[in-house]
Amino acid sequence: MSKAEEILSKINQSLDESTKALADGGSIDMTELDSMVREFCGLIPDLPPNEARACTESLGDIVNRLNVIVEQMAVRKDDIEEEIITLNQRKKAGSAYAQATINSYSEAD
């Protein structure tokens, strides 16, 4: 297995793990993946033409898979923002209820 194939295998494994982690509600760290993709791209110019073409085609797949991850992250971001809004509304409603309860007890005295 060539160095490029080895790195490509690690990239694909990392993409699989990242996609699964996001689907399961986990978090991901793209730092190592970024380093591997940079290293992979740096190898391509020095490869024999046939292997370089195959690696270049693999880059298209990597980009597509990264786009899926970006879309998953955008959905997650939207979900988190909605949760924050809901929690803030609940907190305001709870505060209003508490204040109304305090006021009603004060008026009863």
C-alpha atoms as a PDB file:
ATOM      1  CA  MET A   1       0.000   0.000   0.000  1.00  0.00           C
ATOM      2  CA  SER A   2       1.433   3.363  -1.023  1.00  0.00           C
ATOM      3  CA  LYS A   3       1.664   6.319   1.332  1.00  0.00           C
ATOM      4  CA  ALA A   4      -1.184   8.046  -0.560  1.00  0.00           C
ATOM      5  CA  GLU A   5      -3.411   4.966  -0.289  1.00  0.00           C
ATOM      6  CA  GLU A   6      -2.623   4.679   3.408  1.00  0.00           C
ATOM      7  CA  ILE A   7      -3.539   8.310   4.043  1.00  0.00           C
ATOM      8  CA  LEU A   8      -6.665   8.018   1.887  1.00  0.00           C
ATOM      9  CA  SER A   9      -7.754   5.025   3.945  1.00  0.00           C
ATOM     10  CA  LYS A  10      -7.270   7.013   7.172  1.00  0.00           C
ATOM     11  CA  ILE A  11      -9.169   9.970   5.687  1.00  0.00           C
ATOM     12  CA  ASN A  12     -12.101   7.750   4.756  1.00  0.00           C
ATOM     13  CA  GLN A  13     -12.093   6.170   8.208  1.00  0.00           C
ATOM     14  CA  SER A  14     -12.088   9.604   9.827  1.00  0.00           C
ATOM     15  CA  LEU A  15     -14.938  10.755   7.567  1.00  0.00           C
ATOM     16  CA  ASP A  16     -16.935   7.626   8.507  1.00  0.00           C
ATOM     17  CA  GLU A  17     -16.331   8.226  12.207  1.00  0.00           C
ATOM     18  CA  SER A  18     -17.216  11.920  11.955  1.00  0.00           C
ATOM     19  CA  THR A  19     -20.429  11.231  10.052  1.00  0.00           C
ATOM     20  CA  LYS A  20     -21.464   8.576  12.570  1.00  0.00           C
ATOM     21  CA  ALA A  21     -20.581  10.771  15.546  1.00  0.00           C
ATOM     22  CA  LEU A  22     -22.723  13.608  14.211  1.00  0.00           C
ATOM     23  CA  ALA A  23     -25.603  11.254  13.444  1.00  0.00           C
ATOM     24  CA  ASP A  24     -25.375   9.942  17.023  1.00  0.00           C
ATOM     25  CA  GLY A  25     -25.394  13.478  18.468  1.00  0.00           C
ATOM     26  CA  GLY A  26     -21.703  13.471  19.318  1.00  0.00           C
ATOM     27  CA  SER A  27     -19.039  16.023  18.605  1.00  0.00           C
ATOM     28  CA  ILE A  28     -16.167  15.908  16.159  1.00  0.00           C
ATOM     29  CA  ASP A  29     -12.694  17.393  15.851  1.00  0.00           C
ATOM     30  CA  MET A  30     -11.728  18.084  12.256  1.00  0.00           C
ATOM     31  CA  THR A  31      -8.117  19.082  13.025  1.00  0.00           C
ATOM     32  CA  GLU A  32      -6.553  15.679  12.337  1.00  0.00           C
ATOM     33  CA  LEU A  33      -8.706  15.173   9.249  1.00  0.00           C
ATOM     34  CA  ASP A  34      -7.606  18.558   7.926  1.00  0.00           C
ATOM     35  CA  SER A  35      -3.956  17.599   8.411  1.00  0.00           C
ATOM     36  CA  MET A  36      -4.435  14.273   6.624  1.00  0.00           C
ATOM     37  CA  VAL A  37      -6.198  15.904   3.661  1.00  0.00           C
ATOM     38  CA  ARG A  38      -3.405  18.481   3.367  1.00  0.00           C
ATOM     39  CA  GLU A  39      -0.776  15.731   3.464  1.00  0.00           C
ATOM     40  CA  PHE A  40      -2.710  13.705   0.874  1.00  0.00           C
ATOM     41  CA  CYS A  41      -2.966  16.708  -1.459  1.00  0.00           C
ATOM     42  CA  GLY A  42       0.745  17.402  -1.011  1.00  0.00           C
ATOM     43  CA  LEU A  43       1.612  13.902  -2.219  1.00  0.00           C
ATOM     44  CA  ILE A  44      -0.408  14.051  -5.448  1.00  0.00           C
ATOM     45  CA  PRO A  45       2.023  16.117  -7.577  1.00  0.00           C
ATOM     46  CA  ASP A  46       4.834  13.601  -6.992  1.00  0.00           C
ATOM     47  CA  LEU A  47       2.796  10.491  -7.856  1.00  0.00           C
ATOM     48  CA  PRO A  48       2.892   8.608 -11.147  1.00  0.00           C
ATOM     49  CA  PRO A  49       0.189   9.948 -13.523  1.00  0.00           C
ATOM     50  CA  ASN A  50      -2.246   7.027 -13.121  1.00  0.00           C
ATOM     51  CA  GLU A  51      -2.063   7.089  -9.335  1.00  0.00           C
ATOM     52  CA  ALA A  52      -2.287  10.885  -9.307  1.00  0.00           C
ATOM     53  CA  ARG A  53      -5.483  10.741 -11.414  1.00  0.00           C
ATOM     54  CA  ALA A  54      -7.014   8.185  -9.055  1.00  0.00           C
ATOM     55  CA  CYS A  55      -6.115  10.336  -6.047  1.00  0.00           C
ATOM     56  CA  THR A  56      -7.535  13.430  -7.724  1.00  0.00           C
ATOM     57  CA  GLU A  57     -10.802  11.564  -8.271  1.00  0.00           C
ATOM     58  CA  SER A  58     -10.747  10.556  -4.599  1.00  0.00           C
ATOM     59  CA  LEU A  59     -10.534  14.242  -3.700  1.00  0.00           C
ATOM     60  CA  GLY A  60     -13.968  14.747  -5.270  1.00  0.00           C
ATOM     61  CA  ASP A  61     -15.374  12.054  -2.999  1.00  0.00           C
ATOM     62  CA  ILE A  62     -13.675  13.625   0.023  1.00  0.00           C
ATOM     63  CA  VAL A  63     -15.171  17.021  -0.827  1.00  0.00           C
ATOM     64  CA  ASN A  64     -18.639  15.492  -1.221  1.00  0.00           C
ATOM     65  CA  ARG A  65     -18.358  13.723   2.119  1.00  0.00           C
ATOM     66  CA  LEU A  66     -17.120  16.905   3.801  1.00  0.00           C
ATOM     67  CA  ASN A  67     -20.123  18.744   2.360  1.00  0.00           C
ATOM     68  CA  VAL A  68     -22.411  16.166   3.978  1.00  0.00           C
ATOM     69  CA  ILE A  69     -20.664  16.755   7.305  1.00  0.00           C
ATOM     70  CA  VAL A  70     -21.054  20.524   6.912  1.00  0.00           C
ATOM     71  CA  GLU A  71     -24.768  20.043   6.222  1.00  0.00           C
ATOM     72  CA  GLN A  72     -25.105  17.813   9.305  1.00  0.00           C
ATOM     73  CA  MET A  73     -23.325  20.445  11.390  1.00  0.00           C
ATOM     74  CA  ALA A  74     -25.623  23.178  10.063  1.00  0.00           C
ATOM     75  CA  VAL A  75     -28.683  21.134  11.022  1.00  0.00           C
ATOM     76  CA  ARG A  76     -27.172  20.514  14.456  1.00  0.00           C
ATOM     77  CA  LYS A  77     -26.476  24.244  14.851  1.00  0.00           C
ATOM     78  CA  ASP A  78     -30.075  25.075  13.948  1.00  0.00           C
ATOM     79  CA  ASP A  79     -31.355  22.470  16.417  1.00  0.00           C
ATOM     80  CA  ILE A  80     -29.158  23.855  19.192  1.00  0.00           C
ATOM     81  CA  GLU A  81     -30.272  27.414  18.479  1.00  0.00           C
ATOM     82  CA  GLU A  82     -33.913  26.281  18.648  1.00  0.00           C
ATOM     83  CA  GLU A  83     -33.247  24.531  21.961  1.00  0.00           C
ATOM     84  CA  ILE A  84     -31.658  27.699  23.354  1.00  0.00           C
ATOM     85  CA  ILE A  85     -34.652  29.784  22.277  1.00  0.00           C
ATOM     86  CA  THR A  86     -37.042  27.267  23.854  1.00  0.00           C
ATOM     87  CA  LEU A  87     -35.043  27.171  27.092  1.00  0.00           C
ATOM     88  CA  ASN A  88     -34.950  30.967  27.256  1.00  0.00           C
ATOM     89  CA  GLN A  89     -38.717  31.122  26.726  1.00  0.00           C
ATOM     90  CA  ARG A  90     -39.254  28.544  29.481  1.00  0.00           C
ATOM     91  CA  LYS A  91     -36.986  30.490  31.803  1.00  0.00           C
ATOM     92  CA  LYS A  92     -38.889  33.715  31.112  1.00  0.00           C
ATOM     93  CA  ALA A  93     -42.219  31.947  31.623  1.00  0.00           C
ATOM     94  CA  GLY A  94     -40.959  30.440  34.884  1.00  0.00           C
ATOM     95  CA  SER A  95     -39.772  33.835  36.099  1.00  0.00           C
ATOM     96  CA  ALA A  96     -43.075  35.438  35.139  1.00  0.00           C
ATOM     97  CA  TYR A  97     -44.997  32.696  36.961  1.00  0.00           C
ATOM     98  CA  ALA A  98     -42.802  33.074  40.041  1.00  0.00           C
ATOM     99  CA  GLN A  99     -43.277  36.838  40.017  1.00  0.00           C
ATOM    100  CA  ALA A 100     -47.047  36.479  39.556  1.00  0.00           C
ATOM    101  CA  THR A 101     -47.183  33.997  42.446  1.00  0.00           C
ATOM    102  CA  ILE A 102     -45.200  36.330  44.693  1.00  0.00           C
ATOM    103  CA  ASN A 103     -47.454  39.240  43.745  1.00  0.00           C
ATOM    104  CA  SER A 104     -50.623  37.253  44.415  1.00  0.00           C
ATOM    105  CA  TYR A 105     -49.373  36.265  47.875  1.00  0.00           C
ATOM    106  CA  SER A 106     -48.433  39.882  48.598  1.00  0.00           C
ATOM    107  CA  GLU A 107     -51.893  41.079  47.573  1.00  0.00           C
ATOM    108  CA  ALA A 108     -53.561  38.423  49.741  1.00  0.00           C
ATOM    109  CA  ASP A 109     -51.841  39.772  52.882  1.00  0.00           C
END
